[in-house]
């Protein structure tokens, strides 16, 4: 907030294009063109978005009733043998996963598999 208040940070909505221009960036936005030294993408995909590379997998899981879409986004396994890790994991607020979050989810999935095999 301090950076915004000091004019060192600007939030640009409706960014349609970013180009490198003379050591800076030119942003084409809904309300015109802006320049910036640094650009940070802080946009999450929409909650029901599925990456193109995962579309066939997600479609097959849904078609076979192995998973169900969560209203807030992502998938919830319908079969206890299935675990969803990363951005496609549903059941809570939809946010883009970070490495630590994915590692924690993967560790939980691995522990669940080991527990199920031992039991």
PDB file of N, CA and C in Angstrom:
ATOM      1  N   UNK A   1       0.823  -1.184   0.000  1.00  0.00           N
ATOM      2  CA  UNK A   1       0.000   0.000   0.000  1.00  0.00           C
ATOM      3  C   UNK A   1       0.873   1.257   0.000  1.00  0.00           C
ATOM      4  N   UNK A   2       2.021   1.166   0.699  1.00  0.00           N
ATOM      5  CA  UNK A   2       2.908   2.333   0.735  1.00  0.00           C
ATOM      6  C   UNK A   2       3.434   2.661  -0.661  1.00  0.00           C
ATOM      7  N   UNK A   3       3.758   1.628  -1.447  1.00  0.00           N
ATOM      8  CA  UNK A   3       4.247   1.857  -2.808  1.00  0.00           C
ATOM      9  C   UNK A   3       3.176   2.526  -3.664  1.00  0.00           C
ATOM     10  N   UNK A   4       1.926   2.112  -3.506  1.00  0.00           N
ATOM     11  CA  UNK A   4       0.825   2.749  -4.235  1.00  0.00           C
ATOM     12  C   UNK A   4       0.697   4.213  -3.828  1.00  0.00           C
ATOM     13  N   UNK A   5       0.731   4.442  -2.520  1.00  0.00           N
ATOM     14  CA  UNK A   5       0.578   5.802  -2.006  1.00  0.00           C
ATOM     15  C   UNK A   5       1.708   6.726  -2.455  1.00  0.00           C
ATOM     16  N   UNK A   6       2.934   6.184  -2.600  1.00  0.00           N
ATOM     17  CA  UNK A   6       4.084   6.999  -3.024  1.00  0.00           C
ATOM     18  C   UNK A   6       4.178   7.101  -4.545  1.00  0.00           C
ATOM     19  N   UNK A   7       3.274   6.431  -5.268  1.00  0.00           N
ATOM     20  CA  UNK A   7       3.305   6.486  -6.726  1.00  0.00           C
ATOM     21  C   UNK A   7       4.367   5.601  -7.353  1.00  0.00           C
ATOM     22  N   UNK A   8       4.941   4.692  -6.565  1.00  0.00           N
ATOM     23  CA  UNK A   8       5.964   3.784  -7.078  1.00  0.00           C
ATOM     24  C   UNK A   8       5.370   2.505  -7.652  1.00  0.00           C
ATOM     25  N   UNK A   9       4.101   2.276  -7.426  1.00  0.00           N
ATOM     26  CA  UNK A   9       3.403   1.092  -7.906  1.00  0.00           C
ATOM     27  C   UNK A   9       2.075   1.517  -8.501  1.00  0.00           C
ATOM     28  N   UNK A  10       1.769   0.970  -9.650  1.00  0.00           N
ATOM     29  CA  UNK A  10       0.504   1.257 -10.314  1.00  0.00           C
ATOM     30  C   UNK A  10      -0.182  -0.059 -10.631  1.00  0.00           C
ATOM     31  N   UNK A  11      -1.476  -0.091 -10.475  1.00  0.00           N
ATOM     32  CA  UNK A  11      -2.267  -1.263 -10.840  1.00  0.00           C
ATOM     33  C   UNK A  11      -2.952  -0.947 -12.160  1.00  0.00           C
ATOM     34  N   UNK A  12      -2.755  -1.792 -13.140  1.00  0.00           N
ATOM     35  CA  UNK A  12      -3.352  -1.583 -14.466  1.00  0.00           C
ATOM     36  C   UNK A  12      -4.385  -2.672 -14.726  1.00  0.00           C
ATOM     37  N   UNK A  13      -5.613  -2.279 -14.932  1.00  0.00           N
ATOM     38  CA  UNK A  13      -6.685  -3.233 -15.240  1.00  0.00           C
ATOM     39  C   UNK A  13      -6.860  -3.320 -16.749  1.00  0.00           C
ATOM     40  N   UNK A  14      -7.358  -4.453 -17.205  1.00  0.00           N
ATOM     41  CA  UNK A  14      -7.681  -4.617 -18.612  1.00  0.00           C
ATOM     42  C   UNK A  14      -6.474  -4.635 -19.529  1.00  0.00           C
ATOM     43  N   UNK A  15      -5.350  -5.186 -19.059  1.00  0.00           N
ATOM     44  CA  UNK A  15      -4.150  -5.256 -19.899  1.00  0.00           C
ATOM     45  C   UNK A  15      -4.393  -6.262 -21.014  1.00  0.00           C
ATOM     46  N   UNK A  16      -4.205  -5.815 -22.248  1.00  0.00           N
ATOM     47  CA  UNK A  16      -4.441  -6.647 -23.429  1.00  0.00           C
ATOM     48  C   UNK A  16      -3.159  -7.086 -24.113  1.00  0.00           C
ATOM     49  N   UNK A  17      -2.081  -6.304 -23.918  1.00  0.00           N
ATOM     50  CA  UNK A  17      -0.834  -6.605 -24.596  1.00  0.00           C
ATOM     51  C   UNK A  17       0.317  -5.949 -23.844  1.00  0.00           C
ATOM     52  N   UNK A  18       1.453  -6.633 -23.799  1.00  0.00           N
ATOM     53  CA  UNK A  18       2.666  -6.073 -23.208  1.00  0.00           C
ATOM     54  C   UNK A  18       3.786  -6.254 -24.227  1.00  0.00           C
ATOM     55  N   UNK A  19       4.509  -5.177 -24.498  1.00  0.00           N
ATOM     56  CA  UNK A  19       5.631  -5.209 -25.439  1.00  0.00           C
ATOM     57  C   UNK A  19       6.865  -4.625 -24.772  1.00  0.00           C
ATOM     58  N   UNK A  20       8.029  -5.220 -25.097  1.00  0.00           N
ATOM     59  CA  UNK A  20       9.294  -4.622 -24.672  1.00  0.00           C
ATOM     60  C   UNK A  20       9.539  -3.408 -25.557  1.00  0.00           C
ATOM     61  N   UNK A  21       9.932  -2.285 -24.946  1.00  0.00           N
ATOM     62  CA  UNK A  21      10.131  -1.059 -25.712  1.00  0.00           C
ATOM     63  C   UNK A  21      11.214  -0.203 -25.070  1.00  0.00           C
ATOM     64  N   UNK A  22      12.401  -0.179 -25.683  1.00  0.00           N
ATOM     65  CA  UNK A  22      13.487   0.703 -25.253  1.00  0.00           C
ATOM     66  C   UNK A  22      13.867   0.486 -23.787  1.00  0.00           C
ATOM     67  N   UNK A  23      14.020  -0.771 -23.377  1.00  0.00           N
ATOM     68  CA  UNK A  23      14.406  -1.074 -22.007  1.00  0.00           C
ATOM     69  C   UNK A  23      13.290  -0.985 -20.996  1.00  0.00           C
ATOM     70  N   UNK A  24      12.088  -0.706 -21.447  1.00  0.00           N
ATOM     71  CA  UNK A  24      10.907  -0.634 -20.577  1.00  0.00           C
ATOM     72  C   UNK A  24       9.840  -1.539 -21.163  1.00  0.00           C
ATOM     73  N   UNK A  25       8.635  -1.428 -20.675  1.00  0.00           N
ATOM     74  CA  UNK A  25       7.495  -2.166 -21.201  1.00  0.00           C
ATOM     75  C   UNK A  25       6.395  -1.189 -21.583  1.00  0.00           C
ATOM     76  N   UNK A  26       5.712  -1.482 -22.668  1.00  0.00           N
ATOM     77  CA  UNK A  26       4.544  -0.710 -23.082  1.00  0.00           C
ATOM     78  C   UNK A  26       3.338  -1.627 -22.896  1.00  0.00           C
ATOM     79  N   UNK A  27       2.373  -1.170 -22.131  1.00  0.00           N
ATOM     80  CA  UNK A  27       1.156  -1.931 -21.858  1.00  0.00           C
ATOM     81  C   UNK A  27      -0.005  -1.302 -22.596  1.00  0.00           C
ATOM     82  N   UNK A  28      -0.725  -2.083 -23.338  1.00  0.00           N
ATOM     83  CA  UNK A  28      -1.953  -1.615 -23.972  1.00  0.00           C
ATOM     84  C   UNK A  28      -3.106  -2.113 -23.101  1.00  0.00           C
ATOM     85  N   UNK A  29      -3.812  -1.145 -22.532  1.00  0.00           N
ATOM     86  CA  UNK A  29      -4.883  -1.440 -21.586  1.00  0.00           C
ATOM     87  C   UNK A  29      -6.221  -0.950 -22.136  1.00  0.00           C
ATOM     88  N   UNK A  30      -7.292  -1.343 -21.470  1.00  0.00           N
ATOM     89  CA  UNK A  30      -8.622  -0.883 -21.872  1.00  0.00           C
ATOM     90  C   UNK A  30      -8.706   0.639 -21.895  1.00  0.00           C
ATOM     91  N   UNK A  31      -7.982   1.299 -20.980  1.00  0.00           N
ATOM     92  CA  UNK A  31      -8.074   2.761 -20.880  1.00  0.00           C
ATOM     93  C   UNK A  31      -6.890   3.489 -21.530  1.00  0.00           C
ATOM     94  N   UNK A  32      -6.140   2.813 -22.407  1.00  0.00           N
ATOM     95  CA  UNK A  32      -5.050   3.469 -23.116  1.00  0.00           C
ATOM     96  C   UNK A  32      -3.738   2.728 -22.994  1.00  0.00           C
ATOM     97  N   UNK A  33      -2.643   3.452 -23.204  1.00  0.00           N
ATOM     98  CA  UNK A  33      -1.305   2.878 -23.172  1.00  0.00           C
ATOM     99  C   UNK A  33      -0.551   3.405 -21.963  1.00  0.00           C
ATOM    100  N   UNK A  34       0.193   2.499 -21.291  1.00  0.00           N
ATOM    101  CA  UNK A  34       1.013   2.880 -20.145  1.00  0.00           C
ATOM    102  C   UNK A  34       2.420   2.346 -20.354  1.00  0.00           C
ATOM    103  N   UNK A  35       3.393   2.922 -19.664  1.00  0.00           N
ATOM    104  CA  UNK A  35       4.767   2.431 -19.675  1.00  0.00           C
ATOM    105  C   UNK A  35       5.142   1.981 -18.275  1.00  0.00           C
ATOM    106  N   UNK A  36       6.074   0.999 -18.215  1.00  0.00           N
ATOM    107  CA  UNK A  36       6.520   0.507 -16.913  1.00  0.00           C
ATOM    108  C   UNK A  36       7.942  -0.029 -17.022  1.00  0.00           C
ATOM    109  N   UNK A  37       8.691   0.067 -15.925  1.00  0.00           N
ATOM    110  CA  UNK A  37      10.022  -0.530 -15.846  1.00  0.00           C
ATOM    111  C   UNK A  37       9.925  -2.018 -15.534  1.00  0.00           C
ATOM    112  N   UNK A  38       8.943  -2.391 -14.721  1.00  0.00           N
ATOM    113  CA  UNK A  38       8.744  -3.770 -14.262  1.00  0.00           C
ATOM    114  C   UNK A  38       7.258  -4.075 -14.363  1.00  0.00           C
ATOM    115  N   UNK A  39       6.935  -5.315 -14.766  1.00  0.00           N
ATOM    116  CA  UNK A  39       5.543  -5.748 -14.841  1.00  0.00           C
ATOM    117  C   UNK A  39       5.396  -7.030 -14.021  1.00  0.00           C
ATOM    118  N   UNK A  40       4.389  -7.076 -13.166  1.00  0.00           N
ATOM    119  CA  UNK A  40       4.081  -8.257 -12.369  1.00  0.00           C
ATOM    120  C   UNK A  40       2.679  -8.709 -12.731  1.00  0.00           C
ATOM    121  N   UNK A  41       2.541  -9.963 -13.168  1.00  0.00           N
ATOM    122  CA  UNK A  41       1.229 -10.514 -13.486  1.00  0.00           C
ATOM    123  C   UNK A  41       0.617 -11.036 -12.190  1.00  0.00           C
ATOM    124  N   UNK A  42      -0.458 -10.430 -11.743  1.00  0.00           N
ATOM    125  CA  UNK A  42      -1.131 -10.840 -10.514  1.00  0.00           C
ATOM    126  C   UNK A  42      -2.529 -11.349 -10.807  1.00  0.00           C
ATOM    127  N   UNK A  43      -2.718 -11.935 -11.982  1.00  0.00           N
ATOM    128  CA  UNK A  43      -4.036 -12.406 -12.398  1.00  0.00           C
ATOM    129  C   UNK A  43      -4.093 -13.923 -12.277  1.00  0.00           C
ATOM    130  N   UNK A  44      -5.075 -14.405 -11.590  1.00  0.00           N
ATOM    131  CA  UNK A  44      -5.329 -15.841 -11.528  1.00  0.00           C
ATOM    132  C   UNK A  44      -6.287 -16.217 -12.646  1.00  0.00           C
ATOM    133  N   UNK A  45      -6.204 -17.449 -13.119  1.00  0.00           N
ATOM    134  CA  UNK A  45      -7.202 -17.891 -14.083  1.00  0.00           C
ATOM    135  C   UNK A  45      -8.571 -17.945 -13.413  1.00  0.00           C
ATOM    136  N   UNK A  46      -9.618 -17.942 -14.204  1.00  0.00           N
ATOM    137  CA  UNK A  46     -10.951 -18.039 -13.622  1.00  0.00           C
ATOM    138  C   UNK A  46     -11.098 -19.386 -12.914  1.00  0.00           C
ATOM    139  N   UNK A  47     -11.960 -19.464 -11.891  1.00  0.00           N
ATOM    140  CA  UNK A  47     -12.054 -20.690 -11.085  1.00  0.00           C
ATOM    141  C   UNK A  47     -12.333 -21.968 -11.874  1.00  0.00           C
ATOM    142  N   UNK A  48     -13.080 -21.908 -12.941  1.00  0.00           N
ATOM    143  CA  UNK A  48     -13.400 -23.131 -13.679  1.00  0.00           C
ATOM    144  C   UNK A  48     -12.466 -23.363 -14.865  1.00  0.00           C
ATOM    145  N   UNK A  49     -11.388 -22.574 -14.965  1.00  0.00           N
ATOM    146  CA  UNK A  49     -10.460 -22.725 -16.081  1.00  0.00           C
ATOM    147  C   UNK A  49      -9.695 -24.039 -15.969  1.00  0.00           C
ATOM    148  N   UNK A  50      -9.504 -24.689 -17.100  1.00  0.00           N
ATOM    149  CA  UNK A  50      -8.716 -25.916 -17.179  1.00  0.00           C
ATOM    150  C   UNK A  50      -7.629 -25.678 -18.214  1.00  0.00           C
ATOM    151  N   UNK A  51      -6.361 -25.886 -17.841  1.00  0.00           N
ATOM    152  CA  UNK A  51      -5.299 -25.711 -18.834  1.00  0.00           C
ATOM    153  C   UNK A  51      -5.526 -26.611 -20.045  1.00  0.00           C
ATOM    154  N   UNK A  52      -5.209 -26.102 -21.221  1.00  0.00           N
ATOM    155  CA  UNK A  52      -5.424 -26.852 -22.460  1.00  0.00           C
ATOM    156  C   UNK A  52      -4.799 -28.245 -22.384  1.00  0.00           C
ATOM    157  N   UNK A  53      -3.591 -28.337 -21.845  1.00  0.00           N
ATOM    158  CA  UNK A  53      -2.889 -29.623 -21.783  1.00  0.00           C
ATOM    159  C   UNK A  53      -3.601 -30.631 -20.878  1.00  0.00           C
ATOM    160  N   UNK A  54      -4.421 -30.160 -19.937  1.00  0.00           N
ATOM    161  CA  UNK A  54      -5.115 -31.052 -19.012  1.00  0.00           C
ATOM    162  C   UNK A  54      -6.565 -31.308 -19.401  1.00  0.00           C
ATOM    163  N   UNK A  55      -7.044 -30.689 -20.468  1.00  0.00           N
ATOM    164  CA  UNK A  55      -8.469 -30.759 -20.822  1.00  0.00           C
ATOM    165  C   UNK A  55      -8.955 -32.193 -21.045  1.00  0.00           C
ATOM    166  N   UNK A  56      -8.191 -32.986 -21.774  1.00  0.00           N
ATOM    167  CA  UNK A  56      -8.622 -34.366 -22.051  1.00  0.00           C
ATOM    168  C   UNK A  56      -8.647 -35.194 -20.773  1.00  0.00           C
ATOM    169  N   UNK A  57      -7.637 -35.036 -19.915  1.00  0.00           N
ATOM    170  CA  UNK A  57      -7.604 -35.753 -18.648  1.00  0.00           C
ATOM    171  C   UNK A  57      -8.797 -35.362 -17.783  1.00  0.00           C
ATOM    172  N   UNK A  58      -9.055 -34.080 -17.641  1.00  0.00           N
ATOM    173  CA  UNK A  58     -10.173 -33.609 -16.824  1.00  0.00           C
ATOM    174  C   UNK A  58     -11.495 -34.116 -17.383  1.00  0.00           C
ATOM    175  N   UNK A  59     -11.666 -34.058 -18.697  1.00  0.00           N
ATOM    176  CA  UNK A  59     -12.901 -34.553 -19.324  1.00  0.00           C
ATOM    177  C   UNK A  59     -13.105 -36.032 -19.024  1.00  0.00           C
ATOM    178  N   UNK A  60     -12.041 -36.821 -19.082  1.00  0.00           N
ATOM    179  CA  UNK A  60     -12.189 -38.259 -18.824  1.00  0.00           C
ATOM    180  C   UNK A  60     -12.503 -38.528 -17.360  1.00  0.00           C
ATOM    181  N   UNK A  61     -11.890 -37.779 -16.443  1.00  0.00           N
ATOM    182  CA  UNK A  61     -12.197 -37.962 -15.020  1.00  0.00           C
ATOM    183  C   UNK A  61     -13.652 -37.627 -14.719  1.00  0.00           C
ATOM    184  N   UNK A  62     -14.148 -36.559 -15.329  1.00  0.00           N
ATOM    185  CA  UNK A  62     -15.549 -36.176 -15.132  1.00  0.00           C
ATOM    186  C   UNK A  62     -16.495 -37.174 -15.782  1.00  0.00           C
ATOM    187  N   UNK A  63     -16.169 -37.625 -16.990  1.00  0.00           N
ATOM    188  CA  UNK A  63     -17.033 -38.568 -17.718  1.00  0.00           C
ATOM    189  C   UNK A  63     -17.147 -39.901 -16.995  1.00  0.00           C
ATOM    190  N   UNK A  64     -16.065 -40.312 -16.338  1.00  0.00           N
ATOM    191  CA  UNK A  64     -16.064 -41.599 -15.623  1.00  0.00           C
ATOM    192  C   UNK A  64     -16.514 -41.453 -14.168  1.00  0.00           C
ATOM    193  N   UNK A  65     -16.961 -40.259 -13.801  1.00  0.00           N
ATOM    194  CA  UNK A  65     -17.387 -39.961 -12.430  1.00  0.00           C
ATOM    195  C   UNK A  65     -16.290 -40.258 -11.398  1.00  0.00           C
ATOM    196  N   UNK A  66     -15.035 -40.090 -11.809  1.00  0.00           N
ATOM    197  CA  UNK A  66     -13.912 -40.263 -10.886  1.00  0.00           C
ATOM    198  C   UNK A  66     -13.620 -38.980 -10.126  1.00  0.00           C
ATOM    199  N   UNK A  67     -14.110 -37.862 -10.653  1.00  0.00           N
ATOM    200  CA  UNK A  67     -13.945 -36.564 -10.004  1.00  0.00           C
ATOM    201  C   UNK A  67     -15.157 -35.708 -10.330  1.00  0.00           C
ATOM    202  N   UNK A  68     -15.355 -34.699  -9.504  1.00  0.00           N
ATOM    203  CA  UNK A  68     -16.460 -33.759  -9.719  1.00  0.00           C
ATOM    204  C   UNK A  68     -15.907 -32.342  -9.652  1.00  0.00           C
ATOM    205  N   UNK A  69     -16.495 -31.422 -10.408  1.00  0.00           N
ATOM    206  CA  UNK A  69     -16.030 -30.030 -10.313  1.00  0.00           C
ATOM    207  C   UNK A  69     -16.464 -29.421  -8.981  1.00  0.00           C
ATOM    208  N   UNK A  70     -15.578 -28.663  -8.376  1.00  0.00           N
ATOM    209  CA  UNK A  70     -15.922 -27.955  -7.144  1.00  0.00           C
ATOM    210  C   UNK A  70     -16.494 -26.595  -7.541  1.00  0.00           C
ATOM    211  N   UNK A  71     -17.540 -26.116  -6.865  1.00  0.00           N
ATOM    212  CA  UNK A  71     -18.135 -24.824  -7.236  1.00  0.00           C
ATOM    213  C   UNK A  71     -17.155 -23.652  -7.230  1.00  0.00           C
ATOM    214  N   UNK A  72     -16.137 -23.703  -6.380  1.00  0.00           N
ATOM    215  CA  UNK A  72     -15.155 -22.625  -6.318  1.00  0.00           C
ATOM    216  C   UNK A  72     -14.009 -22.833  -7.299  1.00  0.00           C
ATOM    217  N   UNK A  73     -14.040 -23.938  -8.031  1.00  0.00           N
ATOM    218  CA  UNK A  73     -12.992 -24.239  -9.001  1.00  0.00           C
ATOM    219  C   UNK A  73     -12.225 -25.486  -8.639  1.00  0.00           C
ATOM    220  N   UNK A  74     -11.622 -26.075  -9.645  1.00  0.00           N
ATOM    221  CA  UNK A  74     -10.838 -27.283  -9.433  1.00  0.00           C
ATOM    222  C   UNK A  74     -11.698 -28.530  -9.406  1.00  0.00           C
ATOM    223  N   UNK A  75     -11.035 -29.639  -9.138  1.00  0.00           N
ATOM    224  CA  UNK A  75     -11.696 -30.942  -9.102  1.00  0.00           C
ATOM    225  C   UNK A  75     -11.612 -31.540  -7.710  1.00  0.00           C
ATOM    226  N   UNK A  76     -12.661 -32.258  -7.337  1.00  0.00           N
ATOM    227  CA  UNK A  76     -12.687 -32.999  -6.089  1.00  0.00           C
ATOM    228  C   UNK A  76     -12.772 -34.475  -6.461  1.00  0.00           C
ATOM    229  N   UNK A  77     -11.799 -35.287  -6.021  1.00  0.00           N
ATOM    230  CA  UNK A  77     -11.840 -36.715  -6.344  1.00  0.00           C
ATOM    231  C   UNK A  77     -13.100 -37.378  -5.799  1.00  0.00           C
ATOM    232  N   UNK A  78     -13.702 -38.232  -6.609  1.00  0.00           N
ATOM    233  CA  UNK A  78     -14.866 -39.008  -6.168  1.00  0.00           C
ATOM    234  C   UNK A  78     -14.444 -40.433  -5.826  1.00  0.00           C
ATOM    235  N   UNK A  79     -13.223 -40.782  -6.150  1.00  0.00           N
ATOM    236  CA  UNK A  79     -12.664 -42.102  -5.872  1.00  0.00           C
ATOM    237  C   UNK A  79     -11.495 -41.887  -4.909  1.00  0.00           C
ATOM    238  N   UNK A  80     -11.463 -42.615  -3.781  1.00  0.00           N
ATOM    239  CA  UNK A  80     -10.398 -42.375  -2.797  1.00  0.00           C
ATOM    240  C   UNK A  80      -8.998 -42.706  -3.308  1.00  0.00           C
ATOM    241  N   UNK A  81      -8.906 -43.410  -4.421  1.00  0.00           N
ATOM    242  CA  UNK A  81      -7.586 -43.727  -4.986  1.00  0.00           C
ATOM    243  C   UNK A  81      -7.046 -42.591  -5.842  1.00  0.00           C
ATOM    244  N   UNK A  82      -7.871 -41.595  -6.125  1.00  0.00           N
ATOM    245  CA  UNK A  82      -7.479 -40.479  -6.967  1.00  0.00           C
ATOM    246  C   UNK A  82      -7.123 -39.274  -6.104  1.00  0.00           C
ATOM    247  N   UNK A  83      -6.002 -38.637  -6.421  1.00  0.00           N
ATOM    248  CA  UNK A  83      -5.567 -37.449  -5.701  1.00  0.00           C
ATOM    249  C   UNK A  83      -5.285 -36.362  -6.720  1.00  0.00           C
ATOM    250  N   UNK A  84      -5.735 -35.158  -6.444  1.00  0.00           N
ATOM    251  CA  UNK A  84      -5.519 -34.015  -7.330  1.00  0.00           C
ATOM    252  C   UNK A  84      -4.619 -33.027  -6.603  1.00  0.00           C
ATOM    253  N   UNK A  85      -3.522 -32.664  -7.263  1.00  0.00           N
ATOM    254  CA  UNK A  85      -2.524 -31.783  -6.659  1.00  0.00           C
ATOM    255  C   UNK A  85      -2.312 -30.587  -7.571  1.00  0.00           C
ATOM    256  N   UNK A  86      -2.114 -29.412  -7.007  1.00  0.00           N
ATOM    257  CA  UNK A  86      -1.808 -28.221  -7.794  1.00  0.00           C
ATOM    258  C   UNK A  86      -3.042 -27.398  -8.091  1.00  0.00           C
ATOM    259  N   UNK A  87      -2.967 -26.640  -9.181  1.00  0.00           N
ATOM    260  CA  UNK A  87      -4.034 -25.709  -9.527  1.00  0.00           C
ATOM    261  C   UNK A  87      -5.387 -26.382  -9.729  1.00  0.00           C
ATOM    262  N   UNK A  88      -5.391 -27.651 -10.134  1.00  0.00           N
ATOM    263  CA  UNK A  88      -6.666 -28.337 -10.370  1.00  0.00           C
ATOM    264  C   UNK A  88      -7.301 -28.891  -9.098  1.00  0.00           C
ATOM    265  N   UNK A  89      -6.610 -28.799  -7.964  1.00  0.00           N
ATOM    266  CA  UNK A  89      -7.173 -29.307  -6.716  1.00  0.00           C
ATOM    267  C   UNK A  89      -8.299 -28.393  -6.261  1.00  0.00           C
ATOM    268  N   UNK A  90      -9.461 -28.949  -6.051  1.00  0.00           N
ATOM    269  CA  UNK A  90     -10.612 -28.185  -5.595  1.00  0.00           C
ATOM    270  C   UNK A  90     -10.879 -28.439  -4.131  1.00  0.00           C
ATOM    271  N   UNK A  91     -11.868 -27.770  -3.610  1.00  0.00           N
ATOM    272  CA  UNK A  91     -12.277 -28.005  -2.240  1.00  0.00           C
ATOM    273  C   UNK A  91     -12.010 -26.832  -1.318  1.00  0.00           C
ATOM    274  N   UNK A  92     -11.458 -25.768  -1.839  1.00  0.00           N
ATOM    275  CA  UNK A  92     -11.181 -24.578  -1.048  1.00  0.00           C
ATOM    276  C   UNK A  92     -11.150 -23.386  -1.966  1.00  0.00           C
ATOM    277  N   UNK A  93     -10.660 -22.267  -1.469  1.00  0.00           N
ATOM    278  CA  UNK A  93     -10.590 -21.093  -2.337  1.00  0.00           C
ATOM    279  C   UNK A  93      -9.619 -21.347  -3.488  1.00  0.00           C
ATOM    280  N   UNK A  94      -9.973 -20.913  -4.684  1.00  0.00           N
ATOM    281  CA  UNK A  94      -9.145 -21.151  -5.858  1.00  0.00           C
ATOM    282  C   UNK A  94      -8.061 -20.095  -5.942  1.00  0.00           C
ATOM    283  N   UNK A  95      -6.822 -20.543  -5.799  1.00  0.00           N
ATOM    284  CA  UNK A  95      -5.670 -19.672  -5.994  1.00  0.00           C
ATOM    285  C   UNK A  95      -4.637 -20.440  -6.791  1.00  0.00           C
ATOM    286  N   UNK A  96      -3.796 -19.725  -7.485  1.00  0.00           N
ATOM    287  CA  UNK A  96      -2.737 -20.380  -8.224  1.00  0.00           C
ATOM    288  C   UNK A  96      -1.744 -20.969  -7.236  1.00  0.00           C
ATOM    289  N   UNK A  97      -1.393 -22.227  -7.440  1.00  0.00           N
ATOM    290  CA  UNK A  97      -0.504 -22.921  -6.519  1.00  0.00           C
ATOM    291  C   UNK A  97       0.925 -22.438  -6.639  1.00  0.00           C
ATOM    292  N   UNK A  98       1.617 -22.433  -5.523  1.00  0.00           N
ATOM    293  CA  UNK A  98       3.054 -22.186  -5.486  1.00  0.00           C
ATOM    294  C   UNK A  98       3.759 -23.510  -5.234  1.00  0.00           C
ATOM    295  N   UNK A  99       5.058 -23.502  -5.385  1.00  0.00           N
ATOM    296  CA  UNK A  99       5.826 -24.736  -5.228  1.00  0.00           C
ATOM    297  C   UNK A  99       5.634 -25.339  -3.840  1.00  0.00           C
ATOM    298  N   UNK A 100       5.658 -24.523  -2.793  1.00  0.00           N
ATOM    299  CA  UNK A 100       5.484 -25.065  -1.436  1.00  0.00           C
ATOM    300  C   UNK A 100       4.099 -25.678  -1.243  1.00  0.00           C
ATOM    301  N   UNK A 101       3.078 -25.031  -1.820  1.00  0.00           N
ATOM    302  CA  UNK A 101       1.728 -25.576  -1.718  1.00  0.00           C
ATOM    303  C   UNK A 101       1.583 -26.897  -2.454  1.00  0.00           C
ATOM    304  N   UNK A 102       2.148 -26.980  -3.653  1.00  0.00           N
ATOM    305  CA  UNK A 102       2.093 -28.226  -4.426  1.00  0.00           C
ATOM    306  C   UNK A 102       2.861 -29.322  -3.695  1.00  0.00           C
ATOM    307  N   UNK A 103       4.027 -28.984  -3.133  1.00  0.00           N
ATOM    308  CA  UNK A 103       4.813 -29.971  -2.389  1.00  0.00           C
ATOM    309  C   UNK A 103       4.029 -30.492  -1.183  1.00  0.00           C
ATOM    310  N   UNK A 104       3.343 -29.605  -0.481  1.00  0.00           N
ATOM    311  CA  UNK A 104       2.539 -30.033   0.670  1.00  0.00           C
ATOM    312  C   UNK A 104       1.387 -30.924   0.234  1.00  0.00           C
ATOM    313  N   UNK A 105       0.721 -30.554  -0.876  1.00  0.00           N
ATOM    314  CA  UNK A 105      -0.373 -31.391  -1.388  1.00  0.00           C
ATOM    315  C   UNK A 105       0.155 -32.761  -1.815  1.00  0.00           C
ATOM    316  N   UNK A 106       1.302 -32.775  -2.495  1.00  0.00           N
ATOM    317  CA  UNK A 106       1.884 -34.035  -2.955  1.00  0.00           C
ATOM    318  C   UNK A 106       2.279 -34.918  -1.772  1.00  0.00           C
ATOM    319  N   UNK A 107       2.833 -34.316  -0.727  1.00  0.00           N
ATOM    320  CA  UNK A 107       3.192 -35.085   0.466  1.00  0.00           C
ATOM    321  C   UNK A 107       1.951 -35.688   1.113  1.00  0.00           C
ATOM    322  N   UNK A 108       0.871 -34.919   1.170  1.00  0.00           N
ATOM    323  CA  UNK A 108      -0.388 -35.439   1.713  1.00  0.00           C
ATOM    324  C   UNK A 108      -0.939 -36.580   0.875  1.00  0.00           C
ATOM    325  N   UNK A 109      -0.867 -36.442  -0.451  1.00  0.00           N
ATOM    326  CA  UNK A 109      -1.337 -37.503  -1.342  1.00  0.00           C
ATOM    327  C   UNK A 109      -0.492 -38.756  -1.170  1.00  0.00           C
ATOM    328  N   UNK A 110       0.826 -38.597  -1.087  1.00  0.00           N
ATOM    329  CA  UNK A 110       1.716 -39.747  -0.902  1.00  0.00           C
ATOM    330  C   UNK A 110       1.419 -40.455   0.420  1.00  0.00           C
ATOM    331  N   UNK A 111       1.205 -39.676   1.475  1.00  0.00           N
ATOM    332  CA  UNK A 111       0.884 -40.267   2.777  1.00  0.00           C
ATOM    333  C   UNK A 111      -0.442 -41.013   2.725  1.00  0.00           C
ATOM    334  N   UNK A 112      -1.425 -40.473   2.042  1.00  0.00           N
ATOM    335  CA  UNK A 112      -2.726 -41.142   1.913  1.00  0.00           C
ATOM    336  C   UNK A 112      -2.580 -42.461   1.161  1.00  0.00           C
ATOM    337  N   UNK A 113      -1.763 -42.480   0.123  1.00  0.00           N
ATOM    338  CA  UNK A 113      -1.545 -43.716  -0.646  1.00  0.00           C
ATOM    339  C   UNK A 113      -0.854 -44.764   0.244  1.00  0.00           C
ATOM    340  N   UNK A 114       0.186 -44.345   0.976  1.00  0.00           N
ATOM    341  CA  UNK A 114       0.896 -45.279   1.850  1.00  0.00           C
ATOM    342  C   UNK A 114      -0.018 -45.814   2.953  1.00  0.00           C
ATOM    343  N   UNK A 115      -0.828 -44.952   3.523  1.00  0.00           N
ATOM    344  CA  UNK A 115      -1.755 -45.367   4.581  1.00  0.00           C
ATOM    345  C   UNK A 115      -2.780 -46.364   4.037  1.00  0.00           C
ATOM    346  N   UNK A 116      -3.314 -46.094   2.845  1.00  0.00           N
ATOM    347  CA  UNK A 116      -4.296 -46.989   2.235  1.00  0.00           C
ATOM    348  C   UNK A 116      -3.684 -48.355   1.922  1.00  0.00           C
ATOM    349  N   UNK A 117      -2.448 -48.380   1.475  1.00  0.00           N
ATOM    350  CA  UNK A 117      -1.775 -49.650   1.137  1.00  0.00           C
ATOM    351  C   UNK A 117      -1.470 -50.442   2.401  1.00  0.00           C
ATOM    352  N   UNK A 118      -1.146 -49.750   3.504  1.00  0.00           N
ATOM    353  CA  UNK A 118      -0.816 -50.423   4.749  1.00  0.00           C
ATOM    354  C   UNK A 118      -2.064 -50.969   5.451  1.00  0.00           C
ATOM    355  N   UNK A 119      -3.178 -50.308   5.173  1.00  0.00           N
ATOM    356  CA  UNK A 119      -4.422 -50.658   5.862  1.00  0.00           C
ATOM    357  C   UNK A 119      -5.130 -51.734   5.176  1.00  0.00           C
TER     358      UNK A 119
END
